mmCIF file of all heavy atoms, coordinates in Angstrom:
data_MODEL
# 
_entry.id   MODEL 
# 
loop_
_atom_site.group_PDB 
_atom_site.id 
_atom_site.type_symbol 
_atom_site.label_atom_id 
_atom_site.label_alt_id 
_atom_site.label_comp_id 
_atom_site.label_asym_id 
_atom_site.label_entity_id 
_atom_site.label_seq_id 
_atom_site.pdbx_PDB_ins_code 
_atom_site.Cartn_x 
_atom_site.Cartn_y 
_atom_site.Cartn_z 
_atom_site.occupancy 
_atom_site.B_iso_or_equiv 
_atom_site.pdbx_formal_charge 
_atom_site.auth_seq_id 
_atom_site.auth_comp_id 
_atom_site.auth_asym_id 
_atom_site.auth_atom_id 
_atom_site.pdbx_PDB_model_num 
ATOM 1   N N   . LEU A 1 1  ? -2.596 -2.944 -17.673 1.00 0.00 ? 1  LEU A N   1 
ATOM 2   C CA  . LEU A 1 1  ? -3.314 -3.527 -16.520 1.00 0.00 ? 1  LEU A CA  1 
ATOM 3   C C   . LEU A 1 1  ? -2.332 -4.104 -15.489 1.00 0.00 ? 1  LEU A C   1 
ATOM 4   O O   . LEU A 1 1  ? -2.557 -3.935 -14.316 1.00 0.00 ? 1  LEU A O   1 
ATOM 5   C CB  . LEU A 1 1  ? -4.274 -4.618 -17.066 1.00 0.00 ? 1  LEU A CB  1 
ATOM 6   C CG  . LEU A 1 1  ? -5.438 -4.160 -17.798 1.00 0.00 ? 1  LEU A CG  1 
ATOM 7   C CD1 . LEU A 1 1  ? -6.177 -5.308 -18.481 1.00 0.00 ? 1  LEU A CD1 1 
ATOM 8   C CD2 . LEU A 1 1  ? -6.419 -3.402 -16.859 1.00 0.00 ? 1  LEU A CD2 1 
ATOM 9   N N   . ALA A 1 2  ? -1.270 -4.778 -15.999 1.00 0.00 ? 2  ALA A N   1 
ATOM 10  C CA  . ALA A 1 2  ? -0.255 -5.285 -15.015 1.00 0.00 ? 2  ALA A CA  1 
ATOM 11  C C   . ALA A 1 2  ? 0.421  -4.212 -14.299 1.00 0.00 ? 2  ALA A C   1 
ATOM 12  O O   . ALA A 1 2  ? 0.653  -4.301 -13.097 1.00 0.00 ? 2  ALA A O   1 
ATOM 13  C CB  . ALA A 1 2  ? 0.768  -6.168 -15.742 1.00 0.00 ? 2  ALA A CB  1 
ATOM 14  N N   . ALA A 1 3  ? 0.747  -3.156 -14.928 1.00 0.00 ? 3  ALA A N   1 
ATOM 15  C CA  . ALA A 1 3  ? 1.351  -1.989 -14.278 1.00 0.00 ? 3  ALA A CA  1 
ATOM 16  C C   . ALA A 1 3  ? 0.408  -1.329 -13.273 1.00 0.00 ? 3  ALA A C   1 
ATOM 17  O O   . ALA A 1 3  ? 0.835  -1.065 -12.144 1.00 0.00 ? 3  ALA A O   1 
ATOM 18  C CB  . ALA A 1 3  ? 1.830  -0.919 -15.292 1.00 0.00 ? 3  ALA A CB  1 
ATOM 19  N N   . LEU A 1 4  ? -0.852 -1.210 -13.582 1.00 0.00 ? 4  LEU A N   1 
ATOM 20  C CA  . LEU A 1 4  ? -1.829 -0.720 -12.659 1.00 0.00 ? 4  LEU A CA  1 
ATOM 21  C C   . LEU A 1 4  ? -1.925 -1.597 -11.370 1.00 0.00 ? 4  LEU A C   1 
ATOM 22  O O   . LEU A 1 4  ? -2.094 -1.133 -10.291 1.00 0.00 ? 4  LEU A O   1 
ATOM 23  C CB  . LEU A 1 4  ? -3.076 -0.482 -13.322 1.00 0.00 ? 4  LEU A CB  1 
ATOM 24  C CG  . LEU A 1 4  ? -3.170 0.733  -14.256 1.00 0.00 ? 4  LEU A CG  1 
ATOM 25  C CD1 . LEU A 1 4  ? -4.474 0.638  -15.090 1.00 0.00 ? 4  LEU A CD1 1 
ATOM 26  C CD2 . LEU A 1 4  ? -2.917 2.052  -13.639 1.00 0.00 ? 4  LEU A CD2 1 
ATOM 27  N N   . ASP A 1 5  ? -2.042 -2.906 -11.720 1.00 0.00 ? 5  ASP A N   1 
ATOM 28  C CA  . ASP A 1 5  ? -2.142 -3.856 -10.583 1.00 0.00 ? 5  ASP A CA  1 
ATOM 29  C C   . ASP A 1 5  ? -0.877 -3.785 -9.676  1.00 0.00 ? 5  ASP A C   1 
ATOM 30  O O   . ASP A 1 5  ? -0.984 -3.796 -8.357  1.00 0.00 ? 5  ASP A O   1 
ATOM 31  C CB  . ASP A 1 5  ? -2.242 -5.330 -11.049 1.00 0.00 ? 5  ASP A CB  1 
ATOM 32  C CG  . ASP A 1 5  ? -3.662 -5.563 -11.721 1.00 0.00 ? 5  ASP A CG  1 
ATOM 33  O OD1 . ASP A 1 5  ? -4.601 -4.795 -11.397 1.00 0.00 ? 5  ASP A OD1 1 
ATOM 34  O OD2 . ASP A 1 5  ? -3.674 -6.529 -12.440 1.00 0.00 ? 5  ASP A OD2 1 
ATOM 35  N N   . ALA A 1 6  ? 0.241  -3.660 -10.214 1.00 0.00 ? 6  ALA A N   1 
ATOM 36  C CA  . ALA A 1 6  ? 1.476  -3.530 -9.416  1.00 0.00 ? 6  ALA A CA  1 
ATOM 37  C C   . ALA A 1 6  ? 1.473  -2.225 -8.618  1.00 0.00 ? 6  ALA A C   1 
ATOM 38  O O   . ALA A 1 6  ? 1.792  -2.194 -7.366  1.00 0.00 ? 6  ALA A O   1 
ATOM 39  C CB  . ALA A 1 6  ? 2.745  -3.573 -10.287 1.00 0.00 ? 6  ALA A CB  1 
ATOM 40  N N   . GLU A 1 7  ? 1.005  -1.128 -9.131  1.00 0.00 ? 7  GLU A N   1 
ATOM 41  C CA  . GLU A 1 7  ? 0.951  0.117  -8.449  1.00 0.00 ? 7  GLU A CA  1 
ATOM 42  C C   . GLU A 1 7  ? -0.182 0.025  -7.370  1.00 0.00 ? 7  GLU A C   1 
ATOM 43  O O   . GLU A 1 7  ? 0.090  0.597  -6.269  1.00 0.00 ? 7  GLU A O   1 
ATOM 44  C CB  . GLU A 1 7  ? 0.627  1.258  -9.422  1.00 0.00 ? 7  GLU A CB  1 
ATOM 45  C CG  . GLU A 1 7  ? 0.604  2.669  -8.809  1.00 0.00 ? 7  GLU A CG  1 
ATOM 46  C CD  . GLU A 1 7  ? 1.930  3.068  -8.245  1.00 0.00 ? 7  GLU A CD  1 
ATOM 47  O OE1 . GLU A 1 7  ? 2.956  2.469  -8.412  1.00 0.00 ? 7  GLU A OE1 1 
ATOM 48  O OE2 . GLU A 1 7  ? 1.906  4.167  -7.607  1.00 0.00 ? 7  GLU A OE2 1 
ATOM 49  N N   . ILE A 1 8  ? -1.249 -0.591 -7.596  1.00 0.00 ? 8  ILE A N   1 
ATOM 50  C CA  . ILE A 1 8  ? -2.283 -0.745 -6.581  1.00 0.00 ? 8  ILE A CA  1 
ATOM 51  C C   . ILE A 1 8  ? -1.710 -1.541 -5.414  1.00 0.00 ? 8  ILE A C   1 
ATOM 52  O O   . ILE A 1 8  ? -1.858 -1.262 -4.195  1.00 0.00 ? 8  ILE A O   1 
ATOM 53  C CB  . ILE A 1 8  ? -3.546 -1.429 -7.111  1.00 0.00 ? 8  ILE A CB  1 
ATOM 54  C CG1 . ILE A 1 8  ? -4.211 -0.478 -8.092  1.00 0.00 ? 8  ILE A CG1 1 
ATOM 55  C CG2 . ILE A 1 8  ? -4.453 -1.906 -6.112  1.00 0.00 ? 8  ILE A CG2 1 
ATOM 56  C CD1 . ILE A 1 8  ? -5.381 -1.085 -8.917  1.00 0.00 ? 8  ILE A CD1 1 
ATOM 57  N N   . GLY A 1 9  ? -0.956 -2.670 -5.717  1.00 0.00 ? 9  GLY A N   1 
ATOM 58  C CA  . GLY A 1 9  ? -0.325 -3.460 -4.729  1.00 0.00 ? 9  GLY A CA  1 
ATOM 59  C C   . GLY A 1 9  ? 0.635  -2.655 -3.822  1.00 0.00 ? 9  GLY A C   1 
ATOM 60  O O   . GLY A 1 9  ? 0.746  -2.676 -2.604  1.00 0.00 ? 9  GLY A O   1 
ATOM 61  N N   . ARG A 1 10 ? 1.476  -1.812 -4.526  1.00 0.00 ? 10 ARG A N   1 
ATOM 62  C CA  . ARG A 1 10 ? 2.422  -1.027 -3.786  1.00 0.00 ? 10 ARG A CA  1 
ATOM 63  C C   . ARG A 1 10 ? 1.814  0.041  -2.911  1.00 0.00 ? 10 ARG A C   1 
ATOM 64  O O   . ARG A 1 10 ? 2.148  0.178  -1.801  1.00 0.00 ? 10 ARG A O   1 
ATOM 65  C CB  . ARG A 1 10 ? 3.292  -0.269 -4.877  1.00 0.00 ? 10 ARG A CB  1 
ATOM 66  C CG  . ARG A 1 10 ? 4.471  0.539  -4.267  1.00 0.00 ? 10 ARG A CG  1 
ATOM 67  C CD  . ARG A 1 10 ? 5.181  1.389  -5.249  1.00 0.00 ? 10 ARG A CD  1 
ATOM 68  N NE  . ARG A 1 10 ? 4.434  2.483  -5.762  1.00 0.00 ? 10 ARG A NE  1 
ATOM 69  C CZ  . ARG A 1 10 ? 4.289  3.660  -5.094  1.00 0.00 ? 10 ARG A CZ  1 
ATOM 70  N NH1 . ARG A 1 10 ? 4.955  3.761  -3.900  1.00 0.00 ? 10 ARG A NH1 1 
ATOM 71  N NH2 . ARG A 1 10 ? 3.692  4.664  -5.553  1.00 0.00 ? 10 ARG A NH2 1 
ATOM 72  N N   . LEU A 1 11 ? 0.754  0.666  -3.436  1.00 0.00 ? 11 LEU A N   1 
ATOM 73  C CA  . LEU A 1 11 ? 0.056  1.675  -2.602  1.00 0.00 ? 11 LEU A CA  1 
ATOM 74  C C   . LEU A 1 11 ? -0.736 0.963  -1.450  1.00 0.00 ? 11 LEU A C   1 
ATOM 75  O O   . LEU A 1 11 ? -0.775 1.619  -0.321  1.00 0.00 ? 11 LEU A O   1 
ATOM 76  C CB  . LEU A 1 11 ? -0.952 2.432  -3.458  1.00 0.00 ? 11 LEU A CB  1 
ATOM 77  C CG  . LEU A 1 11 ? -0.376 3.404  -4.539  1.00 0.00 ? 11 LEU A CG  1 
ATOM 78  C CD1 . LEU A 1 11 ? -1.395 3.955  -5.435  1.00 0.00 ? 11 LEU A CD1 1 
ATOM 79  C CD2 . LEU A 1 11 ? 0.408  4.520  -3.835  1.00 0.00 ? 11 LEU A CD2 1 
ATOM 80  N N   . ALA A 1 12 ? -1.239 -0.209 -1.645  1.00 0.00 ? 12 ALA A N   1 
ATOM 81  C CA  . ALA A 1 12 ? -1.927 -0.948 -0.524  1.00 0.00 ? 12 ALA A CA  1 
ATOM 82  C C   . ALA A 1 12 ? -0.920 -1.215 0.592   1.00 0.00 ? 12 ALA A C   1 
ATOM 83  O O   . ALA A 1 12 ? -1.212 -1.040 1.761   1.00 0.00 ? 12 ALA A O   1 
ATOM 84  C CB  . ALA A 1 12 ? -2.542 -2.179 -0.994  1.00 0.00 ? 12 ALA A CB  1 
ATOM 85  N N   . GLY A 1 13 ? 0.286  -1.616 0.149   1.00 0.00 ? 13 GLY A N   1 
ATOM 86  C CA  . GLY A 1 13 ? 1.333  -1.860 1.134   1.00 0.00 ? 13 GLY A CA  1 
ATOM 87  C C   . GLY A 1 13 ? 1.751  -0.624 1.871   1.00 0.00 ? 13 GLY A C   1 
ATOM 88  O O   . GLY A 1 13 ? 1.895  -0.647 3.123   1.00 0.00 ? 13 GLY A O   1 
ATOM 89  N N   . LEU A 1 14 ? 1.927  0.535  1.224   1.00 0.00 ? 14 LEU A N   1 
ATOM 90  C CA  . LEU A 1 14 ? 2.181  1.795  1.886   1.00 0.00 ? 14 LEU A CA  1 
ATOM 91  C C   . LEU A 1 14 ? 1.162  2.134  2.831   1.00 0.00 ? 14 LEU A C   1 
ATOM 92  O O   . LEU A 1 14 ? 1.394  2.547  4.017   1.00 0.00 ? 14 LEU A O   1 
ATOM 93  C CB  . LEU A 1 14 ? 2.395  2.912  0.864   1.00 0.00 ? 14 LEU A CB  1 
ATOM 94  C CG  . LEU A 1 14 ? 3.655  2.860  0.012   1.00 0.00 ? 14 LEU A CG  1 
ATOM 95  C CD1 . LEU A 1 14 ? 3.603  3.932  -1.089  1.00 0.00 ? 14 LEU A CD1 1 
ATOM 96  C CD2 . LEU A 1 14 ? 4.932  3.138  0.904   1.00 0.00 ? 14 LEU A CD2 1 
ATOM 97  N N   . ARG A 1 15 ? -0.097 2.039  2.423   1.00 0.00 ? 15 ARG A N   1 
ATOM 98  C CA  . ARG A 1 15 ? -1.190 2.381  3.329   1.00 0.00 ? 15 ARG A CA  1 
ATOM 99  C C   . ARG A 1 15 ? -1.223 1.513  4.645   1.00 0.00 ? 15 ARG A C   1 
ATOM 100 O O   . ARG A 1 15 ? -1.389 2.020  5.672   1.00 0.00 ? 15 ARG A O   1 
ATOM 101 C CB  . ARG A 1 15 ? -2.584 2.229  2.558   1.00 0.00 ? 15 ARG A CB  1 
ATOM 102 C CG  . ARG A 1 15 ? -3.729 2.725  3.437   1.00 0.00 ? 15 ARG A CG  1 
ATOM 103 C CD  . ARG A 1 15 ? -5.030 2.246  2.891   1.00 0.00 ? 15 ARG A CD  1 
ATOM 104 N NE  . ARG A 1 15 ? -6.099 2.720  3.673   1.00 0.00 ? 15 ARG A NE  1 
ATOM 105 C CZ  . ARG A 1 15 ? -6.373 2.489  4.903   1.00 0.00 ? 15 ARG A CZ  1 
ATOM 106 N NH1 . ARG A 1 15 ? -5.675 1.602  5.582   1.00 0.00 ? 15 ARG A NH1 1 
ATOM 107 N NH2 . ARG A 1 15 ? -7.347 3.044  5.582   1.00 0.00 ? 15 ARG A NH2 1 
ATOM 108 N N   . GLU A 1 16 ? -1.006 0.231  4.370   1.00 0.00 ? 16 GLU A N   1 
ATOM 109 C CA  . GLU A 1 16 ? -0.987 -0.628 5.503   1.00 0.00 ? 16 GLU A CA  1 
ATOM 110 C C   . GLU A 1 16 ? 0.242  -0.355 6.469   1.00 0.00 ? 16 GLU A C   1 
ATOM 111 O O   . GLU A 1 16 ? -0.075 -0.278 7.646   1.00 0.00 ? 16 GLU A O   1 
ATOM 112 C CB  . GLU A 1 16 ? -0.760 -2.121 5.045   1.00 0.00 ? 16 GLU A CB  1 
ATOM 113 C CG  . GLU A 1 16 ? -0.811 -3.210 6.135   1.00 0.00 ? 16 GLU A CG  1 
ATOM 114 C CD  . GLU A 1 16 ? -0.671 -4.615 5.524   1.00 0.00 ? 16 GLU A CD  1 
ATOM 115 O OE1 . GLU A 1 16 ? -1.342 -4.913 4.513   1.00 0.00 ? 16 GLU A OE1 1 
ATOM 116 O OE2 . GLU A 1 16 ? 0.192  -5.369 6.087   1.00 0.00 ? 16 GLU A OE2 1 
ATOM 117 N N   . ASN A 1 17 ? 1.381  -0.015 6.009   1.00 0.00 ? 17 ASN A N   1 
ATOM 118 C CA  . ASN A 1 17 ? 2.449  0.328  6.830   1.00 0.00 ? 17 ASN A CA  1 
ATOM 119 C C   . ASN A 1 17 ? 2.203  1.656  7.578   1.00 0.00 ? 17 ASN A C   1 
ATOM 120 O O   . ASN A 1 17 ? 2.433  1.810  8.682   1.00 0.00 ? 17 ASN A O   1 
ATOM 121 C CB  . ASN A 1 17 ? 3.730  0.494  5.962   1.00 0.00 ? 17 ASN A CB  1 
ATOM 122 C CG  . ASN A 1 17 ? 4.261  -0.846 5.566   1.00 0.00 ? 17 ASN A CG  1 
ATOM 123 O OD1 . ASN A 1 17 ? 3.979  -1.891 6.195   1.00 0.00 ? 17 ASN A OD1 1 
ATOM 124 N ND2 . ASN A 1 17 ? 5.102  -0.873 4.521   1.00 0.00 ? 17 ASN A ND2 1 
ATOM 125 N N   . LEU A 1 18 ? 1.586  2.635  6.856   1.00 0.00 ? 18 LEU A N   1 
ATOM 126 C CA  . LEU A 1 18 ? 1.353  3.959  7.494   1.00 0.00 ? 18 LEU A CA  1 
ATOM 127 C C   . LEU A 1 18 ? 0.315  3.716  8.563   1.00 0.00 ? 18 LEU A C   1 
ATOM 128 O O   . LEU A 1 18 ? 0.402  4.262  9.703   1.00 0.00 ? 18 LEU A O   1 
ATOM 129 C CB  . LEU A 1 18 ? 0.889  4.899  6.461   1.00 0.00 ? 18 LEU A CB  1 
ATOM 130 C CG  . LEU A 1 18 ? 0.452  6.309  6.943   1.00 0.00 ? 18 LEU A CG  1 
ATOM 131 C CD1 . LEU A 1 18 ? 1.592  6.891  7.685   1.00 0.00 ? 18 LEU A CD1 1 
ATOM 132 C CD2 . LEU A 1 18 ? -0.039 7.129  5.777   1.00 0.00 ? 18 LEU A CD2 1 
ATOM 133 N N   . ALA A 1 19 ? -0.752 2.989  8.306   1.00 0.00 ? 19 ALA A N   1 
ATOM 134 C CA  . ALA A 1 19 ? -1.858 2.743  9.268   1.00 0.00 ? 19 ALA A CA  1 
ATOM 135 C C   . ALA A 1 19 ? -1.317 2.039  10.552  1.00 0.00 ? 19 ALA A C   1 
ATOM 136 O O   . ALA A 1 19 ? -1.688 2.358  11.668  1.00 0.00 ? 19 ALA A O   1 
ATOM 137 C CB  . ALA A 1 19 ? -3.018 1.947  8.599   1.00 0.00 ? 19 ALA A CB  1 
ATOM 138 N N   . ARG A 1 20 ? -0.388 1.075  10.308  1.00 0.00 ? 20 ARG A N   1 
ATOM 139 C CA  . ARG A 1 20 ? 0.173  0.329  11.413  1.00 0.00 ? 20 ARG A CA  1 
ATOM 140 C C   . ARG A 1 20 ? 1.016  1.269  12.249  1.00 0.00 ? 20 ARG A C   1 
ATOM 141 O O   . ARG A 1 20 ? 0.937  1.240  13.474  1.00 0.00 ? 20 ARG A O   1 
ATOM 142 C CB  . ARG A 1 20 ? 0.957  -0.879 10.856  1.00 0.00 ? 20 ARG A CB  1 
ATOM 143 C CG  . ARG A 1 20 ? 1.529  -1.790 11.912  1.00 0.00 ? 20 ARG A CG  1 
ATOM 144 C CD  . ARG A 1 20 ? 2.259  -3.031 11.473  1.00 0.00 ? 20 ARG A CD  1 
ATOM 145 N NE  . ARG A 1 20 ? 2.974  -2.785 10.223  1.00 0.00 ? 20 ARG A NE  1 
ATOM 146 C CZ  . ARG A 1 20 ? 2.621  -3.408 9.023   1.00 0.00 ? 20 ARG A CZ  1 
ATOM 147 N NH1 . ARG A 1 20 ? 1.475  -4.186 9.034   1.00 0.00 ? 20 ARG A NH1 1 
ATOM 148 N NH2 . ARG A 1 20 ? 3.319  -3.215 8.004   1.00 0.00 ? 20 ARG A NH2 1 
ATOM 149 N N   . ARG A 1 21 ? 1.823  2.078  11.665  1.00 0.00 ? 21 ARG A N   1 
ATOM 150 C CA  . ARG A 1 21 ? 2.676  3.040  12.404  1.00 0.00 ? 21 ARG A CA  1 
ATOM 151 C C   . ARG A 1 21 ? 1.809  4.152  13.099  1.00 0.00 ? 21 ARG A C   1 
ATOM 152 O O   . ARG A 1 21 ? 2.145  4.526  14.242  1.00 0.00 ? 21 ARG A O   1 
ATOM 153 C CB  . ARG A 1 21 ? 3.610  3.745  11.492  1.00 0.00 ? 21 ARG A CB  1 
ATOM 154 C CG  . ARG A 1 21 ? 4.761  2.759  11.050  1.00 0.00 ? 21 ARG A CG  1 
ATOM 155 C CD  . ARG A 1 21 ? 5.758  3.484  10.211  1.00 0.00 ? 21 ARG A CD  1 
ATOM 156 N NE  . ARG A 1 21 ? 6.980  3.580  11.070  1.00 0.00 ? 21 ARG A NE  1 
ATOM 157 C CZ  . ARG A 1 21 ? 8.078  3.984  10.633  1.00 0.00 ? 21 ARG A CZ  1 
ATOM 158 N NH1 . ARG A 1 21 ? 8.202  4.464  9.411   1.00 0.00 ? 21 ARG A NH1 1 
ATOM 159 N NH2 . ARG A 1 21 ? 9.155  4.014  11.345  1.00 0.00 ? 21 ARG A NH2 1 
ATOM 160 N N   . ALA A 1 22 ? 0.754  4.530  12.490  1.00 0.00 ? 22 ALA A N   1 
ATOM 161 C CA  . ALA A 1 22 ? -0.088 5.552  13.123  1.00 0.00 ? 22 ALA A CA  1 
ATOM 162 C C   . ALA A 1 22 ? -0.762 4.974  14.265  1.00 0.00 ? 22 ALA A C   1 
ATOM 163 O O   . ALA A 1 22 ? -1.190 5.668  15.282  1.00 0.00 ? 22 ALA A O   1 
ATOM 164 C CB  . ALA A 1 22 ? -1.157 6.092  12.075  1.00 0.00 ? 22 ALA A CB  1 
ATOM 165 N N   . ALA A 1 23 ? -1.065 3.689  14.299  1.00 0.00 ? 23 ALA A N   1 
ATOM 166 C CA  . ALA A 1 23 ? -1.774 3.022  15.417  1.00 0.00 ? 23 ALA A CA  1 
ATOM 167 C C   . ALA A 1 23 ? -0.728 2.582  16.513  1.00 0.00 ? 23 ALA A C   1 
ATOM 168 O O   . ALA A 1 23 ? -1.090 1.968  17.578  1.00 0.00 ? 23 ALA A O   1 
ATOM 169 C CB  . ALA A 1 23 ? -2.471 1.772  14.960  1.00 0.00 ? 23 ALA A CB  1 
ATOM 170 N N   . GLY A 1 24 ? 0.573  2.907  16.320  1.00 0.00 ? 24 GLY A N   1 
ATOM 171 C CA  . GLY A 1 24 ? 1.552  2.637  17.344  1.00 0.00 ? 24 GLY A CA  1 
ATOM 172 C C   . GLY A 1 24 ? 2.234  1.241  17.184  1.00 0.00 ? 24 GLY A C   1 
ATOM 173 O O   . GLY A 1 24 ? 2.754  0.737  18.122  1.00 0.00 ? 24 GLY A O   1 
# 
């Protein structure tokens, strides 16, 4: 569960960075 939570956090951060860059 801890490993899954860490991976979810990592993916959420990646998504946020990609969305921010895509929006300029």
